[in-house]
Protein backbone atom coordinates (compact mmCIF):
# COMPACT_ATOMS: atom_id res chain seq x y z
CA UNK A 1 -4.71 -7.17 22.33
CA UNK A 2 -1.80 -7.63 19.95
CA UNK A 3 1.93 -7.83 20.60
CA UNK A 4 4.46 -5.84 18.56
CA UNK A 5 5.27 -8.66 16.15
CA UNK A 6 1.60 -9.59 15.64
CA UNK A 7 0.96 -6.66 13.26
CA UNK A 8 2.58 -6.23 9.85
CA UNK A 9 1.87 -3.31 7.50
CA UNK A 10 3.49 -3.26 4.06
CA UNK A 11 2.76 -1.40 0.87
CA UNK A 12 3.51 1.77 -1.06
CA UNK A 13 3.46 5.47 -0.16
CA UNK A 14 -0.01 5.25 1.38
CA UNK A 15 1.60 3.58 4.41
CA UNK A 16 5.17 4.89 4.18
CA UNK A 17 4.97 7.40 7.04
CA UNK A 18 4.55 5.64 10.39
CA UNK A 19 6.60 7.44 13.03
CA UNK A 20 4.00 9.56 14.85
CA UNK A 21 0.33 9.65 15.78
CA UNK A 22 -0.62 11.72 12.74
CA UNK A 23 0.37 8.67 10.66
CA UNK A 24 -2.34 6.04 10.46
CA UNK A 25 -0.03 2.96 10.76
CA UNK A 26 1.45 4.27 14.03
CA UNK A 27 -1.95 5.23 15.44
CA UNK A 28 -3.54 1.91 14.49
CA UNK A 29 -0.59 -0.02 15.91
CA UNK A 30 -0.63 1.92 19.18
CA UNK A 31 -4.38 1.47 19.66
CA UNK A 32 -4.20 -2.29 19.08
CA UNK A 33 -1.07 -2.98 21.14
CA UNK A 34 -0.95 -0.26 23.83
CA UNK A 35 2.64 0.16 22.68
CA UNK A 36 3.64 3.80 22.29
CA UNK A 37 7.35 3.24 21.78
CA UNK A 38 7.56 1.40 18.47
CA UNK A 39 6.57 1.69 14.85
CA UNK A 40 4.68 -1.22 13.29
CA UNK A 41 6.60 -3.92 11.47
CA UNK A 42 6.99 -3.58 7.70
CA UNK A 43 7.54 -0.68 5.35
CA UNK A 44 5.83 1.46 2.76
CA UNK A 45 7.83 1.85 -0.46
CA UNK A 46 7.00 5.20 -2.04
CA UNK A 47 6.69 4.98 -5.81
CA UNK A 48 7.84 1.35 -5.93
CA UNK A 49 6.28 -1.59 -7.71
CA UNK A 50 4.57 -4.56 -6.07
CA UNK A 51 7.86 -6.47 -6.22
CA UNK A 52 9.28 -4.47 -3.29
CA UNK A 53 6.17 -5.21 -1.24
CA UNK A 54 6.38 -8.91 -2.05
CA UNK A 55 10.04 -9.14 -1.05
CA UNK A 56 9.45 -7.42 2.28
CA UNK A 57 6.40 -9.55 3.06
CA UNK A 58 8.25 -12.80 2.44
CA UNK A 59 11.21 -11.64 4.53
CA UNK A 60 8.96 -10.66 7.45
CA UNK A 61 7.11 -13.99 7.31
CA UNK A 62 10.40 -15.79 7.84
CA UNK A 63 10.92 -13.82 11.05
CA UNK A 64 7.46 -14.15 12.55
CA UNK A 65 4.00 -14.82 11.10
CA UNK A 66 1.71 -11.92 12.09
CA UNK A 67 -1.84 -12.25 13.32
CA UNK A 68 -2.80 -9.12 11.37
CA UNK A 69 -1.52 -8.14 7.93
CA UNK A 70 -2.43 -4.91 6.15
CA UNK A 71 -1.25 -4.45 2.56
CA UNK A 72 -1.49 -1.24 0.54
CA UNK A 73 -1.40 -2.48 -3.04
CA UNK A 74 0.30 -0.24 -5.58
CA UNK A 75 0.01 0.78 -9.22
CA UNK A 76 0.79 -2.18 -11.49
CA UNK A 77 2.47 0.05 -14.12
CA UNK A 78 5.50 0.74 -11.93
CA UNK A 79 8.73 -1.04 -12.86
CA UNK A 80 9.79 -3.87 -10.50
CA UNK A 81 13.45 -3.84 -9.47
CA UNK A 82 15.65 -5.29 -6.75
CA UNK A 83 16.86 -1.89 -5.53
CA UNK A 84 13.49 -0.58 -4.32
CA UNK A 85 13.75 2.34 -6.71
CA UNK A 86 10.51 4.32 -7.23
CA UNK A 87 10.01 4.06 -10.98
CA UNK A 88 6.59 5.22 -12.18
CA UNK A 89 5.27 6.17 -15.63
CA UNK A 90 4.98 9.84 -14.65
CA UNK A 91 8.24 9.87 -12.71
CA UNK A 92 10.21 8.49 -15.66
CA UNK A 93 9.50 11.67 -17.61
CA UNK A 94 9.70 14.16 -14.74
CA UNK A 95 12.95 16.07 -14.34
CA UNK A 96 11.91 17.04 -10.82
CA UNK A 97 11.47 13.43 -9.80
CA UNK A 98 14.73 12.49 -11.53
CA UNK A 99 16.61 14.72 -9.10
CA UNK A 100 14.51 13.67 -6.12
CA UNK A 101 14.57 9.90 -6.53
CA UNK A 102 16.87 8.63 -9.24
CA UNK A 103 20.62 8.30 -9.43
CA UNK A 104 23.02 7.47 -12.24
CA UNK A 105 21.26 6.34 -15.39
CA UNK A 106 18.16 4.88 -13.76
CA UNK A 107 15.89 7.71 -14.85
CA UNK A 108 17.09 7.40 -18.45
CA UNK A 109 16.59 3.64 -18.41
CA UNK A 110 13.05 4.13 -17.11
CA UNK A 111 12.27 6.72 -19.76
CA UNK A 112 13.57 4.42 -22.51
CA UNK A 113 11.63 1.46 -21.08
CA UNK A 114 8.32 3.30 -21.05
CA UNK A 115 9.02 4.74 -24.50
CA UNK A 116 10.22 1.63 -26.34
CA UNK A 117 9.61 -1.55 -24.30
CA UNK A 118 6.57 -0.95 -22.13
CA UNK A 119 3.82 -3.58 -22.33
CA UNK A 120 0.58 -2.62 -20.66
CA UNK A 121 -0.75 -6.16 -20.84
CA UNK A 122 2.35 -7.59 -19.18
CA UNK A 123 2.02 -5.25 -16.21
CA UNK A 124 -1.67 -6.07 -15.84
CA UNK A 125 -0.92 -9.80 -16.06
CA UNK A 126 1.97 -9.70 -13.56
CA UNK A 127 -0.18 -7.91 -10.99
CA UNK A 128 -2.85 -10.59 -11.26
CA UNK A 129 -0.25 -13.34 -10.84
CA UNK A 130 1.05 -11.60 -7.72
CA UNK A 131 -2.46 -11.47 -6.29
CA UNK A 132 -2.98 -15.18 -6.93
CA UNK A 133 0.34 -15.92 -5.23
CA UNK A 134 -0.54 -13.66 -2.31
CA UNK A 135 -3.81 -15.51 -1.76
CA UNK A 136 -1.78 -18.72 -1.60
CA UNK A 137 0.71 -17.16 0.86
CA UNK A 138 -2.06 -15.97 3.18
CA UNK A 139 -3.56 -19.45 3.23
CA UNK A 140 -0.20 -21.20 3.61
CA UNK A 141 0.83 -19.13 6.63
CA UNK A 142 -2.68 -19.17 8.07
CA UNK A 143 -2.71 -15.43 8.81
CA UNK A 144 -5.74 -14.75 10.99
CA UNK A 145 -6.71 -11.35 9.65
CA UNK A 146 -5.61 -9.52 6.52
CA UNK A 147 -6.83 -6.32 4.89
CA UNK A 148 -6.20 -5.38 1.27
CA UNK A 149 -6.14 -1.64 0.54
CA UNK A 150 -5.74 0.08 -2.82
CA UNK A 151 -4.42 3.62 -2.93
CA UNK A 152 -5.68 4.37 -6.42
CA UNK A 153 -8.21 2.51 -8.60
CA UNK A 154 -6.99 -0.81 -9.93
CA UNK A 155 -6.10 -0.87 -13.62
CA UNK A 156 -7.60 -4.38 -13.69
CA UNK A 157 -11.03 -5.09 -12.33
CA UNK A 158 -11.19 -5.53 -8.57
CA UNK A 159 -9.46 -8.72 -7.46
CA UNK A 160 -11.56 -10.61 -4.94
CA UNK A 161 -9.07 -12.13 -2.55
CA UNK A 162 -10.22 -15.43 -1.07
CA UNK A 163 -8.23 -14.70 2.08
CA UNK A 164 -8.78 -11.43 3.90
CA UNK A 165 -10.95 -8.36 3.59
CA UNK A 166 -10.72 -6.55 0.26
CA UNK A 167 -11.62 -2.87 0.64
CA UNK A 168 -13.57 -2.18 -2.52
CA UNK A 169 -13.04 1.55 -2.89
CA UNK A 170 -9.56 3.06 -3.38
CA UNK A 171 -8.25 5.29 -0.61
CA UNK A 172 -7.98 8.18 -3.04
CA UNK A 173 -11.76 8.33 -3.18
CA UNK A 174 -11.86 9.35 0.48
CA UNK A 175 -8.46 10.64 1.41
CA UNK A 176 -7.40 12.52 -1.68
CA UNK A 177 -4.74 15.22 -1.60
CA UNK A 178 -3.74 17.52 -4.44
CA UNK A 179 -0.38 16.35 -5.78
CA UNK A 180 0.40 19.90 -6.93
CA UNK A 181 -0.06 21.45 -3.48
CA UNK A 182 1.11 20.52 0.00
CA UNK A 183 2.40 16.96 0.17
CA UNK A 184 0.68 15.36 3.15
CA UNK A 185 2.14 12.29 4.84
CA UNK A 186 0.61 9.11 3.37
CA UNK A 187 -1.24 11.42 0.92
CA UNK A 188 -3.62 12.39 3.70
CA UNK A 189 -4.10 15.22 6.13
CA UNK A 190 -3.49 14.34 9.80
CA UNK A 191 -7.26 14.27 10.24
CA UNK A 192 -7.69 11.75 7.45
CA UNK A 193 -4.81 9.63 8.74
CA UNK A 194 -6.81 9.41 11.96
CA UNK A 195 -10.03 8.67 10.07
CA UNK A 196 -8.42 5.79 8.21
CA UNK A 197 -6.78 4.36 11.34
CA UNK A 198 -10.04 4.21 13.26
CA UNK A 199 -11.98 2.88 10.26
CA UNK A 200 -9.53 0.00 9.99
CA UNK A 201 -9.56 -0.60 13.74
CA UNK A 202 -13.34 -0.96 13.57
CA UNK A 203 -13.04 -3.49 10.74
CA UNK A 204 -10.38 -5.43 12.66
CA UNK A 205 -12.38 -5.55 15.88
CA UNK A 206 -15.55 -6.57 14.01
CA UNK A 207 -13.75 -8.71 11.47
CA UNK A 208 -16.20 -10.28 9.01
CA UNK A 209 -15.59 -13.43 7.04
CA UNK A 210 -13.26 -13.21 4.05
CA UNK A 211 -15.09 -10.91 1.69
CA UNK A 212 -15.19 -7.64 -0.22
CA UNK A 213 -15.86 -4.72 2.12
CA UNK A 214 -18.65 -2.72 0.49
CA UNK A 215 -19.24 -0.09 3.16
CA UNK A 216 -17.76 3.39 2.96
CA UNK A 217 -14.76 4.31 5.06
CA UNK A 218 -14.91 7.45 7.18
CA UNK A 219 -13.79 10.52 5.30
CA UNK A 220 -12.95 14.10 6.02
CA UNK A 221 -11.69 14.79 2.49
CA UNK A 222 -13.15 15.21 -0.96
CA UNK A 223 -14.19 12.51 -3.40
CA UNK A 224 -11.90 13.24 -6.32
CA UNK A 225 -9.88 10.27 -7.46
CA UNK A 226 -6.17 10.68 -7.82
CA UNK A 227 -4.84 9.39 -11.13
CA UNK A 228 -1.09 9.27 -10.65
CA UNK A 229 1.02 9.14 -7.50
């Protein structure tokens, strides 16, 4: 059984909603702690780059080193920034997302960046360097169990973390939702939030050695792969 501060969940929009039992982080946390009154530690940064995840992880580690860490890795093409602004390639050119997320001149700066300064190779390289650093962090803090999730397919080839369980298939393969229809919490129906929670609980309780997890996760959704979130 885990205590409240033993579990840390950080990442992007795939783990951003965590306030009720139709949200997989809350359900997983409750099942592993018997604590119905709290949300799990950490945060999911919708639309943000890996930099926001890294900052939050390092801050949480200074407070208390968890026994269980779950990270939802994000799209490497998003623009890192110190304001946790959700800046994505599609969002930079979407007037709807400008009004929803951006303030001031941020949306214009993002549009100009992707139009005139964007380097695909730099973003791919920076993601890899973050993964190497993360492997070092996991070893340095001696975190007992860690799970690496990917919402959408990696732009690079799959990174095989030396520390933790790397879930091979992206969540979008199993828990896809249509971005043009109803916006489900964590991009999943309540049923699929439950499916993911219990799949992860099973992995945690039967934790294998550090490796790539090849088995399929439970799914109640379709198998289309989402391309942009």
